[in-house]
Amino acid sequence: MQLKLVRHLWGVAPQENTASLLRAWRDLGYEALEAPHCFLEPLGLSVSQLRRQGWGWIEQINTQAPDLQHQVQDHLRSLETALEKGMMTPPDFFNLQGGHDAWELSQAIDFYGGAQALEKRFGLPICHETHRSRFFSTPWNTLTLLRHFPALKLTCDYSHWVCVCERLLPDVQEALCLSAQHAWHLHARVGYEQGPQVPDPRDPVWAPQLAAHERWWDAIWQAQRSRGLAQSTLTPKFGPPPYQHTRPHSGEPLADLSALCDWMAQRQHQRFIAA
């Protein structure tokens, strides 16, 4: 199994020299980009251009509802529309932040069942992200749905679970194990008990949080190898403010965002090779 490093476009300013960034990212070992499609145009990029240059493309999509009731059919219509647009320039797969955390189980079953039907219809994988405000925001909801949908694919971002649960997940081993079995894509961000992103994972003060996340990522790779996957994809998804910690009053970030992402990408690549 090979590890493909993916660079996200979150926090990349439109005024940056995109051609230089692409060259630098290629030199660092990135092979694909990930973002909502709307992030491309401000950077002067297109999926066709990226494909010509040999880049992979993962499109992030989000379901939205037109009212505060968050009805399942509204989310499914939103998903269908996003998939139709995305298929005009097909990605390698879709990363979906979908559904709603306030749903009853029956509503979630209706939504994710409908999402799997759409996945089959459009013919490209849909990976459901373990993200706050969505139904997969907790390990317990995720465990329940994965038992119900054995073919469902996940984008695992455990930083959200750490933040929501306010602990390093010592009591949810079954959910961690089953989510690894369903993991298709990995967002390698380190969360802590009071937030989804540590100020700087290179700081030894955050060593326990980094070690915990890396144990979970190791379990994903082991599960993917056991399933016979040819490739695993990883995005070091540290984000800009307000995710990123800043100095009071000035708003200056406490660390360089690109350096954090690149450090994490290189570290996990070396760990993957050594495993």
C-alpha atoms as a PDB file:
ATOM      1  CA  MET A   1       0.000   0.000   0.000  1.00  0.00           C
ATOM      2  CA  GLN A   2       1.223   3.484  -0.874  1.00  0.00           C
ATOM      3  CA  LEU A   3       0.558   6.721   1.009  1.00  0.00           C
ATOM      4  CA  LYS A   4      -0.555   9.681  -1.121  1.00  0.00           C
ATOM      5  CA  LEU A   5      -0.027  13.082   0.500  1.00  0.00           C
ATOM      6  CA  VAL A   6      -2.780  15.609  -0.208  1.00  0.00           C
ATOM      7  CA  ARG A   7      -2.460  19.393   0.207  1.00  0.00           C
ATOM      8  CA  HIS A   8      -5.597  21.286   1.122  1.00  0.00           C
ATOM      9  CA  LEU A   9      -6.296  24.848  -0.070  1.00  0.00           C
ATOM     10  CA  TRP A  10      -7.828  26.056   3.193  1.00  0.00           C
ATOM     11  CA  GLY A  11      -5.979  29.180   4.267  1.00  0.00           C
ATOM     12  CA  VAL A  12      -4.171  29.694   0.943  1.00  0.00           C
ATOM     13  CA  ALA A  13      -4.524  33.386   0.091  1.00  0.00           C
ATOM     14  CA  PRO A  14      -5.635  34.349  -3.445  1.00  0.00           C
ATOM     15  CA  GLN A  15      -2.690  36.741  -3.802  1.00  0.00           C
ATOM     16  CA  GLU A  16      -0.158  33.934  -3.426  1.00  0.00           C
ATOM     17  CA  ASN A  17       1.776  32.767  -6.475  1.00  0.00           C
ATOM     18  CA  THR A  18      -0.106  29.580  -7.199  1.00  0.00           C
ATOM     19  CA  ALA A  19       2.362  28.254  -9.774  1.00  0.00           C
ATOM     20  CA  SER A  20       5.190  28.555  -7.259  1.00  0.00           C
ATOM     21  CA  LEU A  21       3.068  26.916  -4.568  1.00  0.00           C
ATOM     22  CA  LEU A  22       2.280  23.951  -6.805  1.00  0.00           C
ATOM     23  CA  ARG A  23       5.968  23.465  -7.582  1.00  0.00           C
ATOM     24  CA  ALA A  24       6.871  23.695  -3.894  1.00  0.00           C
ATOM     25  CA  TRP A  25       4.129  21.272  -2.899  1.00  0.00           C
ATOM     26  CA  ARG A  26       5.237  18.818  -5.559  1.00  0.00           C
ATOM     27  CA  ASP A  27       8.810  19.011  -4.250  1.00  0.00           C
ATOM     28  CA  LEU A  28       7.495  18.247  -0.744  1.00  0.00           C
ATOM     29  CA  GLY A  29       5.815  15.084  -1.974  1.00  0.00           C
ATOM     30  CA  TYR A  30       2.192  16.169  -2.318  1.00  0.00           C
ATOM     31  CA  GLU A  31       0.370  14.430  -5.147  1.00  0.00           C
ATOM     32  CA  ALA A  32      -3.203  15.745  -4.862  1.00  0.00           C
ATOM     33  CA  LEU A  33      -5.175  18.775  -3.728  1.00  0.00           C
ATOM     34  CA  GLU A  34      -8.321  18.883  -1.606  1.00  0.00           C
ATOM     35  CA  ALA A  35     -10.867  21.683  -1.271  1.00  0.00           C
ATOM     36  CA  PRO A  36     -14.383  22.760  -2.112  1.00  0.00           C
ATOM     37  CA  HIS A  37     -14.542  23.500  -5.841  1.00  0.00           C
ATOM     38  CA  CYS A  38     -15.187  27.189  -5.129  1.00  0.00           C
ATOM     39  CA  PHE A  39     -11.662  27.528  -3.673  1.00  0.00           C
ATOM     40  CA  LEU A  40     -10.078  26.999  -7.091  1.00  0.00           C
ATOM     41  CA  GLU A  41     -11.194  30.070  -9.055  1.00  0.00           C
ATOM     42  CA  PRO A  42      -9.796  32.712  -6.633  1.00  0.00           C
ATOM     43  CA  LEU A  43      -6.429  30.974  -6.952  1.00  0.00           C
ATOM     44  CA  GLY A  44      -6.594  30.926 -10.745  1.00  0.00           C
ATOM     45  CA  LEU A  45      -6.884  27.130 -10.816  1.00  0.00           C
ATOM     46  CA  SER A  46      -9.195  24.642 -12.470  1.00  0.00           C
ATOM     47  CA  VAL A  47      -9.592  20.906 -12.142  1.00  0.00           C
ATOM     48  CA  SER A  48      -8.683  20.475 -15.818  1.00  0.00           C
ATOM     49  CA  GLN A  49      -5.469  22.415 -15.293  1.00  0.00           C
ATOM     50  CA  LEU A  50      -4.575  20.355 -12.242  1.00  0.00           C
ATOM     51  CA  ARG A  51      -5.246  17.118 -14.105  1.00  0.00           C
ATOM     52  CA  ARG A  52      -2.983  18.204 -16.985  1.00  0.00           C
ATOM     53  CA  GLN A  53      -0.212  18.791 -14.454  1.00  0.00           C
ATOM     54  CA  GLY A  54      -0.669  15.346 -12.950  1.00  0.00           C
ATOM     55  CA  TRP A  55      -2.398  16.357  -9.720  1.00  0.00           C
ATOM     56  CA  GLY A  56      -5.076  14.299  -8.043  1.00  0.00           C
ATOM     57  CA  TRP A  57      -8.220  16.117  -6.946  1.00  0.00           C
ATOM     58  CA  ILE A  58     -10.461  15.485  -3.922  1.00  0.00           C
ATOM     59  CA  GLU A  59     -13.556  17.666  -3.785  1.00  0.00           C
ATOM     60  CA  GLN A  60     -15.058  18.627  -0.442  1.00  0.00           C
ATOM     61  CA  ILE A  61     -18.820  19.052  -0.463  1.00  0.00           C
ATOM     62  CA  ASN A  62     -21.251  20.061   2.277  1.00  0.00           C
ATOM     63  CA  THR A  63     -24.969  19.484   2.630  1.00  0.00           C
ATOM     64  CA  GLN A  64     -27.099  22.471   3.555  1.00  0.00           C
ATOM     65  CA  ALA A  65     -30.750  22.921   4.391  1.00  0.00           C
ATOM     66  CA  PRO A  66     -32.805  25.998   3.460  1.00  0.00           C
ATOM     67  CA  ASP A  67     -34.382  26.300   6.901  1.00  0.00           C
ATOM     68  CA  LEU A  68     -33.569  25.592  10.522  1.00  0.00           C
ATOM     69  CA  GLN A  69     -35.432  22.283  10.592  1.00  0.00           C
ATOM     70  CA  HIS A  70     -32.587  20.437   8.832  1.00  0.00           C
ATOM     71  CA  GLN A  71     -34.926  18.078   7.050  1.00  0.00           C
ATOM     72  CA  VAL A  72     -33.376  14.946   5.594  1.00  0.00           C
ATOM     73  CA  GLN A  73     -34.761  15.544   2.117  1.00  0.00           C
ATOM     74  CA  ASP A  74     -33.290  19.051   2.068  1.00  0.00           C
ATOM     75  CA  HIS A  75     -29.862  17.618   2.808  1.00  0.00           C
ATOM     76  CA  LEU A  76     -30.264  14.890   0.203  1.00  0.00           C
ATOM     77  CA  ARG A  77     -31.300  17.412  -2.456  1.00  0.00           C
ATOM     78  CA  SER A  78     -28.317  19.542  -1.487  1.00  0.00           C
ATOM     79  CA  LEU A  79     -26.034  16.524  -1.816  1.00  0.00           C
ATOM     80  CA  GLU A  80     -27.475  15.543  -5.180  1.00  0.00           C
ATOM     81  CA  THR A  81     -26.949  19.067  -6.528  1.00  0.00           C
ATOM     82  CA  ALA A  82     -23.358  19.140  -5.286  1.00  0.00           C
ATOM     83  CA  LEU A  83     -22.622  15.757  -6.850  1.00  0.00           C
ATOM     84  CA  GLU A  84     -24.099  16.814 -10.181  1.00  0.00           C
ATOM     85  CA  LYS A  85     -21.846  19.884 -10.234  1.00  0.00           C
ATOM     86  CA  GLY A  86     -18.832  17.925  -9.068  1.00  0.00           C
ATOM     87  CA  MET A  87     -19.225  15.294 -11.775  1.00  0.00           C
ATOM     88  CA  MET A  88     -18.712  17.967 -14.434  1.00  0.00           C
ATOM     89  CA  THR A  89     -15.007  17.736 -13.519  1.00  0.00           C
ATOM     90  CA  PRO A  90     -14.917  14.455 -11.610  1.00  0.00           C
ATOM     91  CA  PRO A  91     -12.675  14.221  -8.557  1.00  0.00           C
ATOM     92  CA  ASP A  92     -10.865  11.104  -7.373  1.00  0.00           C
ATOM     93  CA  PHE A  93     -13.550  10.962  -4.693  1.00  0.00           C
ATOM     94  CA  PHE A  94     -15.808  13.272  -2.694  1.00  0.00           C
ATOM     95  CA  ASN A  95     -15.185  14.209   0.922  1.00  0.00           C
ATOM     96  CA  LEU A  96     -18.584  14.963   2.445  1.00  0.00           C
ATOM     97  CA  GLN A  97     -19.511  16.957   5.510  1.00  0.00           C
ATOM     98  CA  GLY A  98     -23.128  15.892   5.565  1.00  0.00           C
ATOM     99  CA  GLY A  99     -26.155  15.472   7.750  1.00  0.00           C
ATOM    100  CA  HIS A 100     -26.861  17.139  11.071  1.00  0.00           C
ATOM    101  CA  ASP A 101     -25.916  16.395  14.670  1.00  0.00           C
ATOM    102  CA  ALA A 102     -29.435  17.003  16.041  1.00  0.00           C
ATOM    103  CA  TRP A 103     -31.082  14.239  14.016  1.00  0.00           C
ATOM    104  CA  GLU A 104     -32.779  11.230  15.479  1.00  0.00           C
ATOM    105  CA  LEU A 105     -31.274   7.895  14.463  1.00  0.00           C
ATOM    106  CA  SER A 106     -34.123   7.224  12.042  1.00  0.00           C
ATOM    107  CA  GLN A 107     -33.396  10.494  10.232  1.00  0.00           C
ATOM    108  CA  ALA A 108     -29.707   9.684  10.020  1.00  0.00           C
ATOM    109  CA  ILE A 109     -30.490   6.256   8.596  1.00  0.00           C
ATOM    110  CA  ASP A 110     -32.696   7.858   5.942  1.00  0.00           C
ATOM    111  CA  PHE A 111     -29.996  10.353   5.008  1.00  0.00           C
ATOM    112  CA  TYR A 112     -27.033   7.984   4.859  1.00  0.00           C
ATOM    113  CA  GLY A 113     -29.085   5.376   3.066  1.00  0.00           C
ATOM    114  CA  GLY A 114     -30.001   8.018   0.498  1.00  0.00           C
ATOM    115  CA  ALA A 115     -26.361   9.120   0.275  1.00  0.00           C
ATOM    116  CA  GLN A 116     -25.265   5.573  -0.484  1.00  0.00           C
ATOM    117  CA  ALA A 117     -27.871   5.359  -3.231  1.00  0.00           C
ATOM    118  CA  LEU A 118     -26.475   8.582  -4.728  1.00  0.00           C
ATOM    119  CA  GLU A 119     -22.928   7.221  -4.452  1.00  0.00           C
ATOM    120  CA  LYS A 120     -23.954   4.167  -6.447  1.00  0.00           C
ATOM    121  CA  ARG A 121     -25.779   6.303  -9.015  1.00  0.00           C
ATOM    122  CA  PHE A 122     -22.892   8.708  -9.633  1.00  0.00           C
ATOM    123  CA  GLY A 123     -20.211   6.036  -9.503  1.00  0.00           C
ATOM    124  CA  LEU A 124     -17.608   7.795  -7.364  1.00  0.00           C
ATOM    125  CA  PRO A 125     -16.763   7.171  -3.696  1.00  0.00           C
ATOM    126  CA  ILE A 126     -18.305   9.465  -1.083  1.00  0.00           C
ATOM    127  CA  CYS A 127     -16.335   9.633   2.163  1.00  0.00           C
ATOM    128  CA  HIS A 128     -18.273  10.899   5.160  1.00  0.00           C
ATOM    129  CA  GLU A 129     -16.162  13.083   7.435  1.00  0.00           C
ATOM    130  CA  THR A 130     -16.255  12.716  11.209  1.00  0.00           C
ATOM    131  CA  HIS A 131     -16.925  16.404  11.696  1.00  0.00           C
ATOM    132  CA  ARG A 132     -18.549  18.554  14.368  1.00  0.00           C
ATOM    133  CA  SER A 133     -22.126  19.713  13.702  1.00  0.00           C
ATOM    134  CA  ARG A 134     -22.677  16.567  11.615  1.00  0.00           C
ATOM    135  CA  PHE A 135     -24.136  13.249  12.714  1.00  0.00           C
ATOM    136  CA  PHE A 136     -20.661  11.692  12.809  1.00  0.00           C
ATOM    137  CA  SER A 137     -19.512  14.308  15.323  1.00  0.00           C
ATOM    138  CA  THR A 138     -19.398  11.719  18.121  1.00  0.00           C
ATOM    139  CA  PRO A 139     -17.906   8.220  18.247  1.00  0.00           C
ATOM    140  CA  TRP A 140     -21.197   6.802  19.541  1.00  0.00           C
ATOM    141  CA  ASN A 141     -23.284   8.075  16.629  1.00  0.00           C
ATOM    142  CA  THR A 142     -20.602   6.877  14.247  1.00  0.00           C
ATOM    143  CA  LEU A 143     -20.495   3.412  15.782  1.00  0.00           C
ATOM    144  CA  THR A 144     -24.252   3.046  15.479  1.00  0.00           C
ATOM    145  CA  LEU A 145     -24.339   4.102  11.830  1.00  0.00           C
ATOM    146  CA  LEU A 146     -21.375   1.967  10.807  1.00  0.00           C
ATOM    147  CA  ARG A 147     -23.084  -1.094  12.250  1.00  0.00           C
ATOM    148  CA  HIS A 148     -26.129  -0.244  10.142  1.00  0.00           C
ATOM    149  CA  PHE A 149     -24.200   0.563   6.926  1.00  0.00           C
ATOM    150  CA  PRO A 150     -21.290  -1.880   6.480  1.00  0.00           C
ATOM    151  CA  ALA A 151     -20.296  -0.367   3.109  1.00  0.00           C
ATOM    152  CA  LEU A 152     -20.096   3.243   4.293  1.00  0.00           C
ATOM    153  CA  LYS A 153     -16.771   5.037   3.777  1.00  0.00           C
ATOM    154  CA  LEU A 154     -15.258   7.515   6.235  1.00  0.00           C
ATOM    155  CA  THR A 155     -12.885  10.416   6.218  1.00  0.00           C
ATOM    156  CA  CYS A 156     -11.492  10.104   9.727  1.00  0.00           C
ATOM    157  CA  ASP A 157     -10.676  13.348  11.506  1.00  0.00           C
ATOM    158  CA  TYR A 158     -10.432  12.340  15.120  1.00  0.00           C
ATOM    159  CA  SER A 159      -9.550  15.872  16.243  1.00  0.00           C
ATOM    160  CA  HIS A 160     -13.291  16.598  16.215  1.00  0.00           C
ATOM    161  CA  TRP A 161     -14.071  13.666  18.474  1.00  0.00           C
ATOM    162  CA  VAL A 162     -11.377  14.715  20.953  1.00  0.00           C
ATOM    163  CA  CYS A 163     -12.850  18.213  21.105  1.00  0.00           C
ATOM    164  CA  VAL A 164     -16.477  17.075  21.386  1.00  0.00           C
ATOM    165  CA  CYS A 165     -15.725  14.400  24.005  1.00  0.00           C
ATOM    166  CA  GLU A 166     -13.200  16.571  25.897  1.00  0.00           C
ATOM    167  CA  ARG A 167     -10.821  13.634  26.314  1.00  0.00           C
ATOM    168  CA  LEU A 168      -8.352  11.503  24.382  1.00  0.00           C
ATOM    169  CA  LEU A 169     -10.989   8.833  23.781  1.00  0.00           C
ATOM    170  CA  PRO A 170      -9.894   6.162  26.297  1.00  0.00           C
ATOM    171  CA  ASP A 171     -13.413   4.742  26.480  1.00  0.00           C
ATOM    172  CA  VAL A 172     -14.438   4.476  22.811  1.00  0.00           C
ATOM    173  CA  GLN A 173     -12.123   1.752  21.528  1.00  0.00           C
ATOM    174  CA  GLU A 174     -14.906  -0.053  19.689  1.00  0.00           C
ATOM    175  CA  ALA A 175     -15.786   3.081  17.717  1.00  0.00           C
ATOM    176  CA  LEU A 176     -12.125   3.759  16.944  1.00  0.00           C
ATOM    177  CA  CYS A 177     -11.615   0.188  15.768  1.00  0.00           C
ATOM    178  CA  LEU A 178     -14.716   0.085  13.564  1.00  0.00           C
ATOM    179  CA  SER A 179     -14.057   3.542  12.111  1.00  0.00           C
ATOM    180  CA  ALA A 180     -10.564   2.376  11.103  1.00  0.00           C
ATOM    181  CA  GLN A 181     -12.189  -0.498   9.232  1.00  0.00           C
ATOM    182  CA  HIS A 182     -14.303   2.010   7.305  1.00  0.00           C
ATOM    183  CA  ALA A 183     -11.569   4.643   6.823  1.00  0.00           C
ATOM    184  CA  TRP A 184     -10.977   5.644   3.220  1.00  0.00           C
ATOM    185  CA  HIS A 185      -9.312   9.030   3.766  1.00  0.00           C
ATOM    186  CA  LEU A 186      -7.479  10.616   6.704  1.00  0.00           C
ATOM    187  CA  HIS A 187      -7.347  14.216   7.923  1.00  0.00           C
ATOM    188  CA  ALA A 188      -4.183  14.374  10.008  1.00  0.00           C
ATOM    189  CA  ARG A 189      -4.910  17.202  12.409  1.00  0.00           C
ATOM    190  CA  VAL A 190      -4.200  16.959  16.130  1.00  0.00           C
ATOM    191  CA  GLY A 191      -6.973  18.110  18.449  1.00  0.00           C
ATOM    192  CA  TYR A 192      -6.934  18.536  22.183  1.00  0.00           C
ATOM    193  CA  GLU A 193      -9.467  18.269  24.957  1.00  0.00           C
ATOM    194  CA  GLN A 194     -10.735  21.838  24.524  1.00  0.00           C
ATOM    195  CA  GLY A 195     -10.353  22.376  20.808  1.00  0.00           C
ATOM    196  CA  PRO A 196      -9.971  20.764  17.370  1.00  0.00           C
ATOM    197  CA  GLN A 197      -6.450  22.047  16.688  1.00  0.00           C
ATOM    198  CA  VAL A 198      -3.423  22.282  18.982  1.00  0.00           C
ATOM    199  CA  PRO A 199      -1.432  25.514  18.549  1.00  0.00           C
ATOM    200  CA  ASP A 200       1.653  23.644  17.297  1.00  0.00           C
ATOM    201  CA  PRO A 201       1.990  19.823  17.214  1.00  0.00           C
ATOM    202  CA  ARG A 202       5.791  20.214  17.222  1.00  0.00           C
ATOM    203  CA  ASP A 203       5.658  21.654  20.755  1.00  0.00           C
ATOM    204  CA  PRO A 204       6.469  18.931  23.319  1.00  0.00           C
ATOM    205  CA  VAL A 205       3.646  20.181  25.544  1.00  0.00           C
ATOM    206  CA  TRP A 206       1.244  18.552  23.051  1.00  0.00           C
ATOM    207  CA  ALA A 207       3.146  15.254  22.856  1.00  0.00           C
ATOM    208  CA  PRO A 208       0.355  13.211  24.532  1.00  0.00           C
ATOM    209  CA  GLN A 209      -2.219  14.485  22.041  1.00  0.00           C
ATOM    210  CA  LEU A 210       0.067  13.839  19.072  1.00  0.00           C
ATOM    211  CA  ALA A 211       0.893  10.337  20.299  1.00  0.00           C
ATOM    212  CA  ALA A 212      -2.793   9.488  20.733  1.00  0.00           C
ATOM    213  CA  HIS A 213      -3.710  10.614  17.231  1.00  0.00           C
ATOM    214  CA  GLU A 214      -0.781   8.753  15.733  1.00  0.00           C
ATOM    215  CA  ARG A 215      -1.893   5.531  17.415  1.00  0.00           C
ATOM    216  CA  TRP A 216      -5.301   5.954  15.803  1.00  0.00           C
ATOM    217  CA  TRP A 217      -3.758   6.708  12.405  1.00  0.00           C
ATOM    218  CA  ASP A 218      -1.547   3.629  12.695  1.00  0.00           C
ATOM    219  CA  ALA A 219      -4.700   1.573  13.275  1.00  0.00           C
ATOM    220  CA  ILE A 220      -6.229   3.022  10.105  1.00  0.00           C
ATOM    221  CA  TRP A 221      -3.198   2.076   8.017  1.00  0.00           C
ATOM    222  CA  GLN A 222      -3.163  -1.409   9.455  1.00  0.00           C
ATOM    223  CA  ALA A 223      -6.862  -1.829   8.689  1.00  0.00           C
ATOM    224  CA  GLN A 224      -6.425  -0.488   5.161  1.00  0.00           C
ATOM    225  CA  ARG A 225      -3.562  -2.897   4.487  1.00  0.00           C
ATOM    226  CA  SER A 226      -5.670  -5.752   5.826  1.00  0.00           C
ATOM    227  CA  ARG A 227      -8.437  -4.765   3.397  1.00  0.00           C
ATOM    228  CA  GLY A 228      -5.966  -4.880   0.520  1.00  0.00           C
ATOM    229  CA  LEU A 229      -6.131  -1.206  -0.425  1.00  0.00           C
ATOM    230  CA  ALA A 230      -3.470  -0.149  -2.910  1.00  0.00           C
ATOM    231  CA  GLN A 231      -3.417   3.426  -1.648  1.00  0.00           C
ATOM    232  CA  SER A 232      -4.093   5.484   1.462  1.00  0.00           C
ATOM    233  CA  THR A 233      -4.613   9.252   1.262  1.00  0.00           C
ATOM    234  CA  LEU A 234      -3.683  11.742   3.974  1.00  0.00           C
ATOM    235  CA  THR A 235      -4.351  15.473   4.231  1.00  0.00           C
ATOM    236  CA  PRO A 236      -2.546  17.396   7.011  1.00  0.00           C
ATOM    237  CA  LYS A 237      -5.538  19.638   7.583  1.00  0.00           C
ATOM    238  CA  PHE A 238      -4.405  22.348   9.962  1.00  0.00           C
ATOM    239  CA  GLY A 239      -6.520  25.434   9.327  1.00  0.00           C
ATOM    240  CA  PRO A 240      -6.168  29.210   9.542  1.00  0.00           C
ATOM    241  CA  PRO A 241      -7.737  31.417  12.253  1.00  0.00           C
ATOM    242  CA  PRO A 242     -10.085  30.988  14.032  1.00  0.00           C
ATOM    243  CA  TYR A 243      -9.012  27.322  14.022  1.00  0.00           C
ATOM    244  CA  GLN A 244      -5.432  28.452  14.392  1.00  0.00           C
ATOM    245  CA  HIS A 245      -4.420  30.039  17.687  1.00  0.00           C
ATOM    246  CA  THR A 246      -3.422  33.710  17.541  1.00  0.00           C
ATOM    247  CA  ARG A 247      -1.873  36.317  19.793  1.00  0.00           C
ATOM    248  CA  PRO A 248      -4.328  38.475  21.736  1.00  0.00           C
ATOM    249  CA  HIS A 249      -5.133  41.869  20.206  1.00  0.00           C
ATOM    250  CA  SER A 250      -2.812  41.538  17.177  1.00  0.00           C
ATOM    251  CA  GLY A 251      -4.432  38.400  15.717  1.00  0.00           C
ATOM    252  CA  GLU A 252      -0.995  37.160  14.627  1.00  0.00           C
ATOM    253  CA  PRO A 253      -0.914  33.346  14.241  1.00  0.00           C
ATOM    254  CA  LEU A 254       1.268  31.570  16.781  1.00  0.00           C
ATOM    255  CA  ALA A 255       2.824  29.375  14.094  1.00  0.00           C
ATOM    256  CA  ASP A 256       3.260  29.315  10.334  1.00  0.00           C
ATOM    257  CA  LEU A 257       0.308  27.383   8.908  1.00  0.00           C
ATOM    258  CA  SER A 258       2.153  25.991   5.878  1.00  0.00           C
ATOM    259  CA  ALA A 259       5.021  24.842   8.082  1.00  0.00           C
ATOM    260  CA  LEU A 260       2.602  22.973  10.353  1.00  0.00           C
ATOM    261  CA  CYS A 261       0.960  21.178   7.438  1.00  0.00           C
ATOM    262  CA  ASP A 262       4.243  20.307   5.748  1.00  0.00           C
ATOM    263  CA  TRP A 263       5.818  19.090   8.986  1.00  0.00           C
ATOM    264  CA  MET A 264       2.867  16.825   9.629  1.00  0.00           C
ATOM    265  CA  ALA A 265       2.868  15.494   6.059  1.00  0.00           C
ATOM    266  CA  GLN A 266       6.572  14.641   6.171  1.00  0.00           C
ATOM    267  CA  ARG A 267       6.370  13.130   9.641  1.00  0.00           C
ATOM    268  CA  GLN A 268       3.486  10.838   8.749  1.00  0.00           C
ATOM    269  CA  HIS A 269       5.107   9.846   5.455  1.00  0.00           C
ATOM    270  CA  GLN A 270       8.238   8.742   7.302  1.00  0.00           C
ATOM    271  CA  ARG A 271       6.200   6.918   9.931  1.00  0.00           C
ATOM    272  CA  PHE A 272       4.183   5.178   7.234  1.00  0.00           C
ATOM    273  CA  ILE A 273       7.322   3.993   5.448  1.00  0.00           C
ATOM    274  CA  ALA A 274       8.820   2.726   8.683  1.00  0.00           C
ATOM    275  CA  ALA A 275       5.681   0.866   9.778  1.00  0.00           C
END
